[in-house]
Amino acid sequence: MVIKGEGQNKVFEWLTHKELNGWNEQPPSWNFSKYLVNEQGILTHYFDPAVSPGDAEVLKAINS
């Protein structure tokens, strides 16, 4: 699966192009980059790999 560049997977294309998702252009900087998509299919958050999945900011975003 191509994450960046030519032949990029359609999911990652949507996640990383603001003209498609509404605001985000941040490609995954490394393994464990986190993108949160709500029940309506709207991209709501991006978290860098340095942010733990259990971080208070991530949990707040999930529970809001």
Protein backbone atom coordinates (compact mmCIF):
# COMPACT_ATOMS: atom_id res chain seq x y z
CA MET A 1 0.00 0.00 0.00
CA VAL A 2 1.42 3.38 -1.00
CA ILE A 3 1.07 5.91 1.83
CA LYS A 4 2.77 8.91 0.20
CA GLY A 5 3.54 10.05 -3.32
CA GLU A 6 2.66 8.61 -6.71
CA GLY A 7 0.12 5.81 -6.58
CA GLN A 8 -0.99 6.84 -3.08
CA ASN A 9 -3.77 4.69 -1.61
CA LYS A 10 -7.16 6.45 -1.89
CA VAL A 11 -7.72 6.44 1.88
CA PHE A 12 -4.41 8.21 2.51
CA GLU A 13 -5.08 10.53 -0.42
CA TRP A 14 -8.31 11.64 1.28
CA LEU A 15 -6.69 11.90 4.73
CA THR A 16 -3.83 14.10 3.48
CA HIS A 17 -5.42 16.51 0.97
CA LYS A 18 -7.43 19.38 2.46
CA GLU A 19 -9.41 19.83 -0.76
CA LEU A 20 -10.79 16.33 -0.13
CA ASN A 21 -11.13 16.17 3.68
CA GLY A 22 -11.77 19.84 4.46
CA TRP A 23 -8.70 20.85 6.49
CA ASN A 24 -5.79 18.45 6.85
CA GLU A 25 -2.69 18.23 4.66
CA GLN A 26 -0.48 16.39 7.19
CA PRO A 27 0.83 13.14 5.72
CA PRO A 28 1.80 10.43 8.19
CA SER A 29 5.22 11.39 9.46
CA TRP A 30 6.00 7.86 10.66
CA ASN A 31 4.32 4.68 11.83
CA PHE A 32 1.54 5.23 14.33
CA SER A 33 0.30 8.57 12.99
CA LYS A 34 -3.33 8.79 14.04
CA TYR A 35 -6.28 10.16 12.07
CA LEU A 36 -9.70 10.28 13.73
CA VAL A 37 -12.83 10.12 11.59
CA ASN A 38 -16.25 10.54 13.19
CA GLU A 39 -19.44 8.55 12.55
CA GLN A 40 -20.41 10.92 9.73
CA GLY A 41 -17.14 10.26 7.90
CA ILE A 42 -15.63 13.64 8.79
CA LEU A 43 -11.92 13.83 9.57
CA THR A 44 -11.76 15.48 12.98
CA HIS A 45 -8.18 15.11 14.26
CA TYR A 46 -4.63 14.23 13.34
CA PHE A 47 -2.12 13.13 15.99
CA ASP A 48 1.60 12.70 15.42
CA PRO A 49 3.23 9.35 16.23
CA ALA A 50 4.82 10.89 19.34
CA VAL A 51 1.33 11.26 20.85
CA SER A 52 0.34 8.08 22.68
CA PRO A 53 -3.05 6.53 21.83
CA GLY A 54 -3.82 6.79 25.55
CA ASP A 55 -2.91 10.49 25.77
CA ALA A 56 -5.57 12.67 27.39
CA GLU A 57 -5.91 14.75 24.21
CA VAL A 58 -6.60 11.66 22.09
CA LEU A 59 -9.09 10.26 24.61
CA LYS A 60 -10.87 13.62 24.81
CA ALA A 61 -11.17 13.71 21.01
CA ILE A 62 -12.55 10.17 20.91
CA ASN A 63 -15.07 10.81 23.69
CA SER A 64 -16.33 14.17 22.45
